[in-house]
Amino acid sequence: MPSNLTGTINARVNAERRKDITIHHSATHLLHAALRTVLGTHVAQKGSLVNDEQLRFDFSHFAKVSHEEMAKIETMVNQKIRENVPVVIKEMPKEEALKLGAMALFGEKYGDTVRVVVMDPTYSVELCGGTHVGHTGELGLFKLRAESAVAAGVRRIEAVCGAAAENFINDELRQLAAVKEQFKNPADINKAIENNLAETAELKKRLEHLENRLLVGIRNELLKKDEIINGVTFIGDQVEVANADALKKICFDLKNNLNDYLVILTANIGGKPFVAISIADTVVAAKQLDAGKIIKEIVAPLIKGGGGGQKNLATAGGQEAGNLKVVIEKVKALL
């Protein structure tokens, strides 16, 4: 910019946004102190992000913070908010501040005179140059949102304050109300969910039992369709099954009822083609056949998909279900 340019610049601060940033910043101080009280004095700040929507606080700790510990931390911060503690900010020599027990960020460079933020001398005293509330009551409400791992020995807490905390709680309550409505608004939603999970588990067991019986029936029908081709028992057919795993189950079951064999099973499941090939180890050796290669070189192109596996068992899935009969004939021709 040319040095001869002159003019007047008006700087304006978005007061509402700055207020929301301020309460989240002050909350990090209360949170830091609560973490050290509940988890131990080994806790040290490793990074933070503060904006008008939330706060994010990274700290040193050796384990996941439990639900019980999270509850204690949140309660402690909210207690300090309700106490409406005055936030005292003053400048003093660095050595004097450190004698008062002020916490400094590791790696930060401080001058001889530092700015100290005190939120109850027995609770939180930190070196800080940021904006803060006048009293902790201005935070309104503190709510923890999430806890996670960032790196080895470093955890992260996300939280909200003020209107953002109220909005978060209201969103959670709306979700809870929706869940209750799905369960016909029971008096005890936890019990209702437990009962539903138990019923679902029982139904899954019954369904699995019925599916197994169905697969046995399919196996028996397939055994009636076997052909002997050049000394190898060949079975190839399209079957009606609910999922791709069922094809593998039938292949394993047929293995116990056959000797020298090559089996190829196909299925159209929801308009998508699935294929499973099973080959006896004796046939793999004698005929130099490889189920994995057959899947990749012959089957996959025909069904516009992919797959793979071992020499004696391989599977594939794709997009083109109209070529399943062709797939069976192509594999049969290998014998």
C-alpha atoms as a PDB file:
ATOM      1  CA  MET A   1       0.000   0.000   0.000  1.00  0.00           C
ATOM      2  CA  PRO A   2       1.434   3.452  -0.916  1.00  0.00           C
ATOM      3  CA  SER A   3       2.696   5.327   2.161  1.00  0.00           C
ATOM      4  CA  ASN A   4       1.036   8.601   1.140  1.00  0.00           C
ATOM      5  CA  LEU A   5      -2.541   7.289   1.506  1.00  0.00           C
ATOM      6  CA  THR A   6      -4.500   8.720   4.421  1.00  0.00           C
ATOM      7  CA  GLY A   7      -8.006   8.235   5.752  1.00  0.00           C
ATOM      8  CA  THR A   8     -10.196   7.336   8.681  1.00  0.00           C
ATOM      9  CA  ILE A   9     -10.926   3.742   9.692  1.00  0.00           C
ATOM     10  CA  ASN A  10     -13.793   2.855  12.004  1.00  0.00           C
ATOM     11  CA  ALA A  11     -13.402  -0.472  13.812  1.00  0.00           C
ATOM     12  CA  ARG A  12     -16.578  -2.054  15.135  1.00  0.00           C
ATOM     13  CA  VAL A  13     -16.859  -5.107  17.363  1.00  0.00           C
ATOM     14  CA  ASN A  14     -19.841  -7.440  17.024  1.00  0.00           C
ATOM     15  CA  ALA A  15     -20.881  -7.158  20.673  1.00  0.00           C
ATOM     16  CA  GLU A  16     -23.178 -10.190  20.695  1.00  0.00           C
ATOM     17  CA  ARG A  17     -20.634 -12.502  19.078  1.00  0.00           C
ATOM     18  CA  ARG A  18     -17.834 -11.180  21.300  1.00  0.00           C
ATOM     19  CA  LYS A  19     -19.986 -11.861  24.377  1.00  0.00           C
ATOM     20  CA  ASP A  20     -20.497 -15.489  23.312  1.00  0.00           C
ATOM     21  CA  ILE A  21     -16.770 -15.876  22.672  1.00  0.00           C
ATOM     22  CA  THR A  22     -16.018 -14.326  26.061  1.00  0.00           C
ATOM     23  CA  ILE A  23     -18.213 -16.701  28.051  1.00  0.00           C
ATOM     24  CA  HIS A  24     -16.725 -19.726  26.290  1.00  0.00           C
ATOM     25  CA  HIS A  25     -13.212 -18.421  26.995  1.00  0.00           C
ATOM     26  CA  SER A  26     -13.910 -17.856  30.681  1.00  0.00           C
ATOM     27  CA  ALA A  27     -15.423 -21.345  30.792  1.00  0.00           C
ATOM     28  CA  THR A  28     -12.094 -22.872  29.735  1.00  0.00           C
ATOM     29  CA  HIS A  29     -10.524 -21.486  32.929  1.00  0.00           C
ATOM     30  CA  LEU A  30     -13.268 -22.988  35.101  1.00  0.00           C
ATOM     31  CA  LEU A  31     -13.018 -26.256  33.175  1.00  0.00           C
ATOM     32  CA  HIS A  32      -9.228 -26.424  33.510  1.00  0.00           C
ATOM     33  CA  ALA A  33      -9.464 -26.011  37.283  1.00  0.00           C
ATOM     34  CA  ALA A  34     -12.233 -28.634  37.528  1.00  0.00           C
ATOM     35  CA  LEU A  35     -10.179 -31.115  35.489  1.00  0.00           C
ATOM     36  CA  ARG A  36      -7.199 -30.693  37.808  1.00  0.00           C
ATOM     37  CA  THR A  37      -9.436 -31.091  40.878  1.00  0.00           C
ATOM     38  CA  VAL A  38     -11.271 -34.203  39.645  1.00  0.00           C
ATOM     39  CA  LEU A  39      -8.574 -35.948  37.581  1.00  0.00           C
ATOM     40  CA  GLY A  40      -5.386 -34.739  39.269  1.00  0.00           C
ATOM     41  CA  THR A  41      -2.785 -32.001  39.119  1.00  0.00           C
ATOM     42  CA  HIS A  42      -0.988 -33.767  36.273  1.00  0.00           C
ATOM     43  CA  VAL A  43      -3.634 -32.264  33.968  1.00  0.00           C
ATOM     44  CA  ALA A  44      -2.185 -29.479  31.816  1.00  0.00           C
ATOM     45  CA  GLN A  45      -3.657 -27.589  28.891  1.00  0.00           C
ATOM     46  CA  LYS A  46      -2.369 -28.841  25.537  1.00  0.00           C
ATOM     47  CA  GLY A  47      -4.450 -26.649  23.278  1.00  0.00           C
ATOM     48  CA  SER A  48      -7.848 -25.027  22.963  1.00  0.00           C
ATOM     49  CA  LEU A  49     -10.318 -23.520  20.541  1.00  0.00           C
ATOM     50  CA  VAL A  50     -12.852 -20.918  21.612  1.00  0.00           C
ATOM     51  CA  ASN A  51     -15.546 -19.318  19.479  1.00  0.00           C
ATOM     52  CA  ASP A  52     -19.098 -18.044  19.818  1.00  0.00           C
ATOM     53  CA  GLU A  53     -20.577 -21.548  19.425  1.00  0.00           C
ATOM     54  CA  GLN A  54     -18.447 -23.787  21.641  1.00  0.00           C
ATOM     55  CA  LEU A  55     -15.182 -24.418  23.419  1.00  0.00           C
ATOM     56  CA  ARG A  56     -12.723 -27.228  22.810  1.00  0.00           C
ATOM     57  CA  PHE A  57     -10.104 -28.019  25.432  1.00  0.00           C
ATOM     58  CA  ASP A  58      -7.188 -30.448  24.995  1.00  0.00           C
ATOM     59  CA  PHE A  59      -5.380 -31.651  28.097  1.00  0.00           C
ATOM     60  CA  SER A  60      -2.879 -34.218  29.303  1.00  0.00           C
ATOM     61  CA  HIS A  61      -4.443 -37.316  30.854  1.00  0.00           C
ATOM     62  CA  PHE A  62      -3.635 -41.024  30.737  1.00  0.00           C
ATOM     63  CA  ALA A  63      -7.144 -42.513  30.355  1.00  0.00           C
ATOM     64  CA  LYS A  64     -10.623 -41.910  29.042  1.00  0.00           C
ATOM     65  CA  VAL A  65     -12.611 -39.630  31.340  1.00  0.00           C
ATOM     66  CA  SER A  66     -15.430 -41.732  32.817  1.00  0.00           C
ATOM     67  CA  HIS A  67     -19.099 -40.720  32.863  1.00  0.00           C
ATOM     68  CA  GLU A  68     -18.864 -40.271  36.636  1.00  0.00           C
ATOM     69  CA  GLU A  69     -15.819 -37.996  36.303  1.00  0.00           C
ATOM     70  CA  MET A  70     -17.513 -36.011  33.524  1.00  0.00           C
ATOM     71  CA  ALA A  71     -20.538 -35.475  35.783  1.00  0.00           C
ATOM     72  CA  LYS A  72     -18.315 -34.240  38.645  1.00  0.00           C
ATOM     73  CA  ILE A  73     -16.462 -31.838  36.338  1.00  0.00           C
ATOM     74  CA  GLU A  74     -19.672 -30.401  34.910  1.00  0.00           C
ATOM     75  CA  THR A  75     -21.224 -30.021  38.370  1.00  0.00           C
ATOM     76  CA  MET A  76     -18.119 -28.248  39.690  1.00  0.00           C
ATOM     77  CA  VAL A  77     -18.068 -25.722  36.829  1.00  0.00           C
ATOM     78  CA  ASN A  78     -21.786 -25.001  37.171  1.00  0.00           C
ATOM     79  CA  GLN A  79     -21.351 -24.552  40.928  1.00  0.00           C
ATOM     80  CA  LYS A  80     -18.755 -21.842  40.272  1.00  0.00           C
ATOM     81  CA  ILE A  81     -21.137 -20.235  37.785  1.00  0.00           C
ATOM     82  CA  ARG A  82     -23.962 -20.177  40.363  1.00  0.00           C
ATOM     83  CA  GLU A  83     -21.611 -18.656  42.935  1.00  0.00           C
ATOM     84  CA  ASN A  84     -21.235 -15.715  40.533  1.00  0.00           C
ATOM     85  CA  VAL A  85     -17.564 -15.392  41.423  1.00  0.00           C
ATOM     86  CA  PRO A  86     -15.989 -12.018  40.501  1.00  0.00           C
ATOM     87  CA  VAL A  87     -13.397 -12.353  37.738  1.00  0.00           C
ATOM     88  CA  VAL A  88     -10.414 -10.310  38.891  1.00  0.00           C
ATOM     89  CA  ILE A  89      -7.868  -9.279  36.257  1.00  0.00           C
ATOM     90  CA  LYS A  90      -4.617  -7.605  37.252  1.00  0.00           C
ATOM     91  CA  GLU A  91      -1.079  -7.177  36.063  1.00  0.00           C
ATOM     92  CA  MET A  92       1.920  -8.042  38.195  1.00  0.00           C
ATOM     93  CA  PRO A  93       5.521  -9.261  37.923  1.00  0.00           C
ATOM     94  CA  LYS A  94       5.711 -12.781  36.534  1.00  0.00           C
ATOM     95  CA  GLU A  95       7.531 -14.146  39.577  1.00  0.00           C
ATOM     96  CA  GLU A  96       4.852 -12.762  41.896  1.00  0.00           C
ATOM     97  CA  ALA A  97       2.122 -14.333  39.773  1.00  0.00           C
ATOM     98  CA  LEU A  98       3.805 -17.718  39.847  1.00  0.00           C
ATOM     99  CA  LYS A  99       4.098 -17.494  43.635  1.00  0.00           C
ATOM    100  CA  LEU A 100       0.324 -16.996  43.753  1.00  0.00           C
ATOM    101  CA  GLY A 101       0.006 -20.325  41.987  1.00  0.00           C
ATOM    102  CA  ALA A 102      -0.878 -18.931  38.560  1.00  0.00           C
ATOM    103  CA  MET A 103      -0.819 -21.567  35.845  1.00  0.00           C
ATOM    104  CA  ALA A 104       1.173 -20.783  32.713  1.00  0.00           C
ATOM    105  CA  LEU A 105       0.973 -22.541  29.368  1.00  0.00           C
ATOM    106  CA  PHE A 106       3.973 -24.733  28.612  1.00  0.00           C
ATOM    107  CA  GLY A 107       5.977 -23.330  25.724  1.00  0.00           C
ATOM    108  CA  GLU A 108       4.436 -19.839  25.922  1.00  0.00           C
ATOM    109  CA  LYS A 109       6.781 -16.853  26.255  1.00  0.00           C
ATOM    110  CA  TYR A 110       5.879 -14.294  28.920  1.00  0.00           C
ATOM    111  CA  GLY A 111       7.350 -10.886  29.646  1.00  0.00           C
ATOM    112  CA  ASP A 112       8.432  -9.643  33.045  1.00  0.00           C
ATOM    113  CA  THR A 113       4.933  -8.266  33.682  1.00  0.00           C
ATOM    114  CA  VAL A 114       2.012 -10.637  33.156  1.00  0.00           C
ATOM    115  CA  ARG A 115      -1.777 -10.453  33.119  1.00  0.00           C
ATOM    116  CA  VAL A 116      -3.387 -12.666  35.758  1.00  0.00           C
ATOM    117  CA  VAL A 117      -7.017 -13.823  35.651  1.00  0.00           C
ATOM    118  CA  VAL A 118      -8.413 -14.922  39.032  1.00  0.00           C
ATOM    119  CA  MET A 119     -11.718 -16.758  39.434  1.00  0.00           C
ATOM    120  CA  ASP A 120     -11.643 -17.428  43.180  1.00  0.00           C
ATOM    121  CA  PRO A 121      -8.032 -17.434  44.450  1.00  0.00           C
ATOM    122  CA  THR A 122      -8.537 -20.957  45.807  1.00  0.00           C
ATOM    123  CA  TYR A 123      -9.923 -22.291  42.524  1.00  0.00           C
ATOM    124  CA  SER A 124      -8.560 -20.748  39.300  1.00  0.00           C
ATOM    125  CA  VAL A 125      -5.559 -18.449  38.858  1.00  0.00           C
ATOM    126  CA  GLU A 126      -4.103 -18.340  35.327  1.00  0.00           C
ATOM    127  CA  LEU A 127      -1.858 -16.192  33.190  1.00  0.00           C
ATOM    128  CA  CYS A 128      -4.026 -15.062  30.283  1.00  0.00           C
ATOM    129  CA  GLY A 129      -4.284 -12.170  27.840  1.00  0.00           C
ATOM    130  CA  GLY A 130      -7.781 -12.934  26.564  1.00  0.00           C
ATOM    131  CA  THR A 131     -11.209 -11.405  27.067  1.00  0.00           C
ATOM    132  CA  HIS A 132     -13.250 -12.487  30.105  1.00  0.00           C
ATOM    133  CA  VAL A 133     -16.586 -11.942  31.808  1.00  0.00           C
ATOM    134  CA  GLY A 134     -16.937  -9.739  34.884  1.00  0.00           C
ATOM    135  CA  HIS A 135     -18.572 -12.469  36.980  1.00  0.00           C
ATOM    136  CA  THR A 136     -18.833 -16.213  36.386  1.00  0.00           C
ATOM    137  CA  GLY A 137     -22.640 -16.009  36.568  1.00  0.00           C
ATOM    138  CA  GLU A 138     -22.579 -14.470  33.095  1.00  0.00           C
ATOM    139  CA  LEU A 139     -21.812 -17.947  31.719  1.00  0.00           C
ATOM    140  CA  GLY A 140     -25.358 -18.970  32.602  1.00  0.00           C
ATOM    141  CA  LEU A 141     -24.960 -22.708  32.113  1.00  0.00           C
ATOM    142  CA  PHE A 142     -22.093 -25.048  31.258  1.00  0.00           C
ATOM    143  CA  LYS A 143     -22.742 -28.330  29.439  1.00  0.00           C
ATOM    144  CA  LEU A 144     -20.208 -30.962  28.383  1.00  0.00           C
ATOM    145  CA  ARG A 145     -20.892 -32.260  24.878  1.00  0.00           C
ATOM    146  CA  ALA A 146     -18.164 -34.799  24.145  1.00  0.00           C
ATOM    147  CA  GLU A 147     -14.913 -36.354  25.350  1.00  0.00           C
ATOM    148  CA  SER A 148     -12.421 -38.065  23.062  1.00  0.00           C
ATOM    149  CA  ALA A 149      -8.782 -38.981  22.465  1.00  0.00           C
ATOM    150  CA  VAL A 150      -6.553 -36.657  20.447  1.00  0.00           C
ATOM    151  CA  ALA A 151      -3.193 -38.388  20.781  1.00  0.00           C
ATOM    152  CA  ALA A 152      -1.342 -40.657  23.189  1.00  0.00           C
ATOM    153  CA  GLY A 153      -1.830 -39.123  26.630  1.00  0.00           C
ATOM    154  CA  VAL A 154      -3.963 -36.241  25.336  1.00  0.00           C
ATOM    155  CA  ARG A 155      -7.756 -36.028  25.713  1.00  0.00           C
ATOM    156  CA  ARG A 156     -10.241 -33.503  24.330  1.00  0.00           C
ATOM    157  CA  ILE A 157     -13.398 -32.088  25.860  1.00  0.00           C
ATOM    158  CA  GLU A 158     -16.015 -30.140  23.911  1.00  0.00           C
ATOM    159  CA  ALA A 159     -18.532 -28.006  25.771  1.00  0.00           C
ATOM    160  CA  VAL A 160     -20.999 -25.150  25.393  1.00  0.00           C
ATOM    161  CA  CYS A 161     -22.124 -22.250  27.567  1.00  0.00           C
ATOM    162  CA  GLY A 162     -25.002 -19.818  27.821  1.00  0.00           C
ATOM    163  CA  ALA A 163     -27.536 -19.855  24.974  1.00  0.00           C
ATOM    164  CA  ALA A 164     -25.479 -22.481  23.133  1.00  0.00           C
ATOM    165  CA  ALA A 165     -25.818 -24.817  26.159  1.00  0.00           C
ATOM    166  CA  GLU A 166     -29.570 -24.174  26.304  1.00  0.00           C
ATOM    167  CA  ASN A 167     -29.907 -24.936  22.584  1.00  0.00           C
ATOM    168  CA  PHE A 168     -27.868 -28.119  22.975  1.00  0.00           C
ATOM    169  CA  ILE A 169     -30.007 -29.362  25.865  1.00  0.00           C
ATOM    170  CA  ASN A 170     -33.222 -28.545  23.993  1.00  0.00           C
ATOM    171  CA  ASP A 171     -31.984 -30.495  20.957  1.00  0.00           C
ATOM    172  CA  GLU A 172     -31.175 -33.473  23.176  1.00  0.00           C
ATOM    173  CA  LEU A 173     -34.605 -33.274  24.815  1.00  0.00           C
ATOM    174  CA  ARG A 174     -36.309 -33.152  21.408  1.00  0.00           C
ATOM    175  CA  GLN A 175     -34.446 -36.295  20.374  1.00  0.00           C
ATOM    176  CA  LEU A 176     -35.418 -37.988  23.633  1.00  0.00           C
ATOM    177  CA  ALA A 177     -39.063 -37.003  23.123  1.00  0.00           C
ATOM    178  CA  ALA A 178     -38.953 -38.460  19.600  1.00  0.00           C
ATOM    179  CA  VAL A 179     -37.525 -41.737  20.932  1.00  0.00           C
ATOM    180  CA  LYS A 180     -40.196 -41.903  23.643  1.00  0.00           C
ATOM    181  CA  GLU A 181     -42.876 -41.338  21.043  1.00  0.00           C
ATOM    182  CA  GLN A 182     -41.505 -44.243  18.995  1.00  0.00           C
ATOM    183  CA  PHE A 183     -41.916 -46.421  22.075  1.00  0.00           C
ATOM    184  CA  LYS A 184     -45.475 -45.138  22.754  1.00  0.00           C
ATOM    185  CA  ASN A 185     -44.325 -42.804  25.572  1.00  0.00           C
ATOM    186  CA  PRO A 186     -43.570 -45.394  28.265  1.00  0.00           C
ATOM    187  CA  ALA A 187     -43.176 -44.387  31.905  1.00  0.00           C
ATOM    188  CA  ASP A 188     -39.658 -45.875  31.946  1.00  0.00           C
ATOM    189  CA  ILE A 189     -37.921 -45.400  28.577  1.00  0.00           C
ATOM    190  CA  ASN A 190     -34.805 -47.321  29.658  1.00  0.00           C
ATOM    191  CA  LYS A 191     -36.884 -50.363  30.568  1.00  0.00           C
ATOM    192  CA  ALA A 192     -38.783 -50.098  27.299  1.00  0.00           C
ATOM    193  CA  ILE A 193     -35.537 -50.048  25.307  1.00  0.00           C
ATOM    194  CA  GLU A 194     -34.134 -52.991  27.282  1.00  0.00           C
ATOM    195  CA  ASN A 195     -37.298 -55.001  26.600  1.00  0.00           C
ATOM    196  CA  ASN A 196     -37.185 -54.106  22.923  1.00  0.00           C
ATOM    197  CA  LEU A 197     -33.540 -55.171  22.636  1.00  0.00           C
ATOM    198  CA  ALA A 198     -34.322 -58.462  24.364  1.00  0.00           C
ATOM    199  CA  GLU A 199     -37.249 -59.107  22.026  1.00  0.00           C
ATOM    200  CA  THR A 200     -35.117 -58.232  19.005  1.00  0.00           C
ATOM    201  CA  ALA A 201     -32.370 -60.619  20.135  1.00  0.00           C
ATOM    202  CA  GLU A 202     -34.926 -63.413  20.569  1.00  0.00           C
ATOM    203  CA  LEU A 203     -36.427 -62.755  17.136  1.00  0.00           C
ATOM    204  CA  LYS A 204     -32.943 -62.816  15.586  1.00  0.00           C
ATOM    205  CA  LYS A 205     -32.323 -66.227  17.153  1.00  0.00           C
ATOM    206  CA  ARG A 206     -35.604 -67.554  15.781  1.00  0.00           C
ATOM    207  CA  LEU A 207     -34.910 -66.083  12.361  1.00  0.00           C
ATOM    208  CA  GLU A 208     -31.409 -67.576  12.319  1.00  0.00           C
ATOM    209  CA  HIS A 209     -32.881 -70.972  13.238  1.00  0.00           C
ATOM    210  CA  LEU A 210     -35.414 -70.742  10.401  1.00  0.00           C
ATOM    211  CA  GLU A 211     -32.744 -69.591   7.946  1.00  0.00           C
ATOM    212  CA  ASN A 212     -30.522 -72.522   8.908  1.00  0.00           C
ATOM    213  CA  ARG A 213     -33.402 -74.924   8.299  1.00  0.00           C
ATOM    214  CA  LEU A 214     -33.999 -73.261   4.932  1.00  0.00           C
ATOM    215  CA  LEU A 215     -30.318 -73.579   4.007  1.00  0.00           C
ATOM    216  CA  VAL A 216     -30.371 -77.286   4.882  1.00  0.00           C
ATOM    217  CA  GLY A 217     -33.310 -77.692   2.514  1.00  0.00           C
ATOM    218  CA  ILE A 218     -31.428 -75.832  -0.244  1.00  0.00           C
ATOM    219  CA  ARG A 219     -28.366 -78.024   0.365  1.00  0.00           C
ATOM    220  CA  ASN A 220     -30.425 -81.203   0.031  1.00  0.00           C
ATOM    221  CA  GLU A 221     -31.941 -80.000  -3.247  1.00  0.00           C
ATOM    222  CA  LEU A 222     -28.503 -79.097  -4.602  1.00  0.00           C
ATOM    223  CA  LEU A 223     -27.141 -82.542  -3.770  1.00  0.00           C
ATOM    224  CA  LYS A 224     -29.826 -83.979  -6.086  1.00  0.00           C
ATOM    225  CA  LYS A 225     -28.515 -81.839  -8.961  1.00  0.00           C
ATOM    226  CA  ASP A 226     -24.886 -82.920  -8.930  1.00  0.00           C
ATOM    227  CA  GLU A 227     -23.115 -83.893 -12.171  1.00  0.00           C
ATOM    228  CA  ILE A 228     -19.921 -85.847 -12.679  1.00  0.00           C
ATOM    229  CA  ILE A 229     -17.658 -84.110 -15.204  1.00  0.00           C
ATOM    230  CA  ASN A 230     -14.272 -85.686 -15.897  1.00  0.00           C
ATOM    231  CA  GLY A 231     -14.201 -87.248 -12.440  1.00  0.00           C
ATOM    232  CA  VAL A 232     -15.283 -84.059 -10.643  1.00  0.00           C
ATOM    233  CA  THR A 233     -18.641 -83.594  -8.935  1.00  0.00           C
ATOM    234  CA  PHE A 234     -20.097 -80.342 -10.247  1.00  0.00           C
ATOM    235  CA  ILE A 235     -22.933 -78.409  -8.683  1.00  0.00           C
ATOM    236  CA  GLY A 236     -23.987 -75.089 -10.163  1.00  0.00           C
ATOM    237  CA  ASP A 237     -27.246 -73.305  -9.482  1.00  0.00           C
ATOM    238  CA  GLN A 238     -28.936 -70.026  -8.642  1.00  0.00           C
ATOM    239  CA  VAL A 239     -30.509 -70.153  -5.170  1.00  0.00           C
ATOM    240  CA  GLU A 240     -32.920 -68.022  -3.168  1.00  0.00           C
ATOM    241  CA  VAL A 241     -31.164 -66.667  -0.068  1.00  0.00           C
ATOM    242  CA  ALA A 242     -31.486 -63.520   2.060  1.00  0.00           C
ATOM    243  CA  ASN A 243     -27.806 -62.511   2.111  1.00  0.00           C
ATOM    244  CA  ALA A 244     -24.424 -63.251   0.581  1.00  0.00           C
ATOM    245  CA  ASP A 245     -23.149 -65.024   3.714  1.00  0.00           C
ATOM    246  CA  ALA A 246     -25.784 -67.700   3.126  1.00  0.00           C
ATOM    247  CA  LEU A 247     -23.987 -68.722  -0.083  1.00  0.00           C
ATOM    248  CA  LYS A 248     -20.790 -69.366   1.892  1.00  0.00           C
ATOM    249  CA  LYS A 249     -22.715 -71.313   4.542  1.00  0.00           C
ATOM    250  CA  ILE A 250     -24.195 -73.596   1.889  1.00  0.00           C
ATOM    251  CA  CYS A 251     -20.738 -74.095   0.345  1.00  0.00           C
ATOM    252  CA  PHE A 252     -19.317 -75.130   3.740  1.00  0.00           C
ATOM    253  CA  ASP A 253     -22.257 -77.488   4.260  1.00  0.00           C
ATOM    254  CA  LEU A 254     -21.843 -79.078   0.824  1.00  0.00           C
ATOM    255  CA  LYS A 255     -18.147 -79.594   1.536  1.00  0.00           C
ATOM    256  CA  ASN A 256     -19.069 -82.060   4.279  1.00  0.00           C
ATOM    257  CA  ASN A 257     -21.199 -84.065   1.825  1.00  0.00           C
ATOM    258  CA  LEU A 258     -18.891 -84.185  -1.216  1.00  0.00           C
ATOM    259  CA  ASN A 259     -15.418 -85.406  -2.104  1.00  0.00           C
ATOM    260  CA  ASP A 260     -13.871 -84.229  -5.362  1.00  0.00           C
ATOM    261  CA  TYR A 261     -16.087 -81.273  -6.227  1.00  0.00           C
ATOM    262  CA  LEU A 262     -16.507 -77.830  -7.744  1.00  0.00           C
ATOM    263  CA  VAL A 263     -19.501 -75.834  -6.549  1.00  0.00           C
ATOM    264  CA  ILE A 264     -20.683 -72.494  -7.881  1.00  0.00           C
ATOM    265  CA  LEU A 265     -23.704 -70.854  -6.321  1.00  0.00           C
ATOM    266  CA  THR A 266     -25.270 -67.584  -7.423  1.00  0.00           C
ATOM    267  CA  ALA A 267     -28.030 -65.401  -6.026  1.00  0.00           C
ATOM    268  CA  ASN A 268     -29.947 -62.278  -6.991  1.00  0.00           C
ATOM    269  CA  ILE A 269     -30.414 -60.362  -3.748  1.00  0.00           C
ATOM    270  CA  GLY A 270     -32.322 -57.124  -4.114  1.00  0.00           C
ATOM    271  CA  GLY A 271     -31.323 -56.840  -7.767  1.00  0.00           C
ATOM    272  CA  LYS A 272     -27.614 -57.316  -6.995  1.00  0.00           C
ATOM    273  CA  PRO A 273     -25.679 -60.441  -8.097  1.00  0.00           C
ATOM    274  CA  PHE A 274     -23.639 -62.525  -5.646  1.00  0.00           C
ATOM    275  CA  VAL A 275     -21.463 -65.550  -6.384  1.00  0.00           C
ATOM    276  CA  ALA A 276     -19.629 -68.149  -4.297  1.00  0.00           C
ATOM    277  CA  ILE A 277     -17.231 -70.780  -5.630  1.00  0.00           C
ATOM    278  CA  SER A 278     -15.984 -73.719  -3.573  1.00  0.00           C
ATOM    279  CA  ILE A 279     -13.417 -76.226  -4.876  1.00  0.00           C
ATOM    280  CA  ALA A 280     -12.076 -79.332  -3.158  1.00  0.00           C
ATOM    281  CA  ASP A 281      -8.344 -79.213  -2.432  1.00  0.00           C
ATOM    282  CA  THR A 282      -7.909 -82.385  -4.509  1.00  0.00           C
ATOM    283  CA  VAL A 283      -9.507 -80.687  -7.529  1.00  0.00           C
ATOM    284  CA  VAL A 284      -7.452 -77.527  -6.993  1.00  0.00           C
ATOM    285  CA  ALA A 285      -4.302 -79.664  -7.245  1.00  0.00           C
ATOM    286  CA  ALA A 286      -5.434 -82.026 -10.008  1.00  0.00           C
ATOM    287  CA  LYS A 287      -7.094 -79.461 -12.307  1.00  0.00           C
ATOM    288  CA  GLN A 288      -4.909 -76.458 -11.410  1.00  0.00           C
ATOM    289  CA  LEU A 289      -8.010 -74.452 -10.528  1.00  0.00           C
ATOM    290  CA  ASP A 290      -8.058 -71.412  -8.255  1.00  0.00           C
ATOM    291  CA  ALA A 291     -11.393 -70.082  -6.985  1.00  0.00           C
ATOM    292  CA  GLY A 292      -9.920 -66.637  -6.328  1.00  0.00           C
ATOM    293  CA  LYS A 293      -8.605 -66.316  -9.882  1.00  0.00           C
ATOM    294  CA  ILE A 294     -11.867 -67.604 -11.354  1.00  0.00           C
ATOM    295  CA  ILE A 295     -13.743 -64.938  -9.437  1.00  0.00           C
ATOM    296  CA  LYS A 296     -11.447 -62.142 -10.594  1.00  0.00           C
ATOM    297  CA  GLU A 297     -10.881 -63.251 -14.213  1.00  0.00           C
ATOM    298  CA  ILE A 298     -14.241 -64.777 -15.181  1.00  0.00           C
ATOM    299  CA  VAL A 299     -16.969 -63.889 -12.696  1.00  0.00           C
ATOM    300  CA  ALA A 300     -16.233 -60.255 -11.806  1.00  0.00           C
ATOM    301  CA  PRO A 301     -16.300 -58.935 -15.408  1.00  0.00           C
ATOM    302  CA  LEU A 302     -19.606 -60.701 -16.144  1.00  0.00           C
ATOM    303  CA  ILE A 303     -21.401 -59.252 -13.101  1.00  0.00           C
ATOM    304  CA  LYS A 304     -19.631 -55.872 -13.241  1.00  0.00           C
ATOM    305  CA  GLY A 305     -18.233 -56.285  -9.759  1.00  0.00           C
ATOM    306  CA  GLY A 306     -15.345 -57.623  -7.780  1.00  0.00           C
ATOM    307  CA  GLY A 307     -14.312 -60.123  -5.177  1.00  0.00           C
ATOM    308  CA  GLY A 308     -11.706 -62.672  -4.257  1.00  0.00           C
ATOM    309  CA  GLY A 309     -10.700 -65.271  -1.726  1.00  0.00           C
ATOM    310  CA  GLN A 310      -8.656 -68.434  -1.407  1.00  0.00           C
ATOM    311  CA  LYS A 311      -7.971 -71.181  -3.944  1.00  0.00           C
ATOM    312  CA  ASN A 312     -10.691 -73.359  -2.419  1.00  0.00           C
ATOM    313  CA  LEU A 313     -13.280 -70.681  -1.617  1.00  0.00           C
ATOM    314  CA  ALA A 314     -13.956 -67.261  -3.106  1.00  0.00           C
ATOM    315  CA  THR A 315     -16.896 -64.879  -3.411  1.00  0.00           C
ATOM    316  CA  ALA A 316     -17.963 -61.900  -5.499  1.00  0.00           C
ATOM    317  CA  GLY A 317     -20.641 -59.232  -5.696  1.00  0.00           C
ATOM    318  CA  GLY A 318     -21.574 -56.870  -8.476  1.00  0.00           C
ATOM    319  CA  GLN A 319     -24.131 -54.762 -10.333  1.00  0.00           C
ATOM    320  CA  GLU A 320     -25.229 -56.912 -13.313  1.00  0.00           C
ATOM    321  CA  ALA A 321     -27.548 -59.731 -12.220  1.00  0.00           C
ATOM    322  CA  GLY A 322     -28.608 -60.736 -15.728  1.00  0.00           C
ATOM    323  CA  ASN A 323     -25.507 -62.848 -16.408  1.00  0.00           C
ATOM    324  CA  LEU A 324     -25.710 -65.293 -13.498  1.00  0.00           C
ATOM    325  CA  LYS A 325     -26.633 -68.249 -15.745  1.00  0.00           C
ATOM    326  CA  VAL A 326     -23.723 -67.354 -18.025  1.00  0.00           C
ATOM    327  CA  VAL A 327     -21.419 -67.269 -14.985  1.00  0.00           C
ATOM    328  CA  ILE A 328     -22.407 -70.824 -14.043  1.00  0.00           C
ATOM    329  CA  GLU A 329     -21.860 -72.112 -17.606  1.00  0.00           C
ATOM    330  CA  LYS A 330     -18.457 -70.391 -17.889  1.00  0.00           C
ATOM    331  CA  VAL A 331     -17.234 -71.972 -14.659  1.00  0.00           C
ATOM    332  CA  LYS A 332     -18.692 -75.361 -15.607  1.00  0.00           C
ATOM    333  CA  ALA A 333     -16.745 -75.210 -18.877  1.00  0.00           C
ATOM    334  CA  LEU A 334     -13.474 -75.170 -16.907  1.00  0.00           C
ATOM    335  CA  LEU A 335     -13.991 -78.878 -16.164  1.00  0.00           C
END
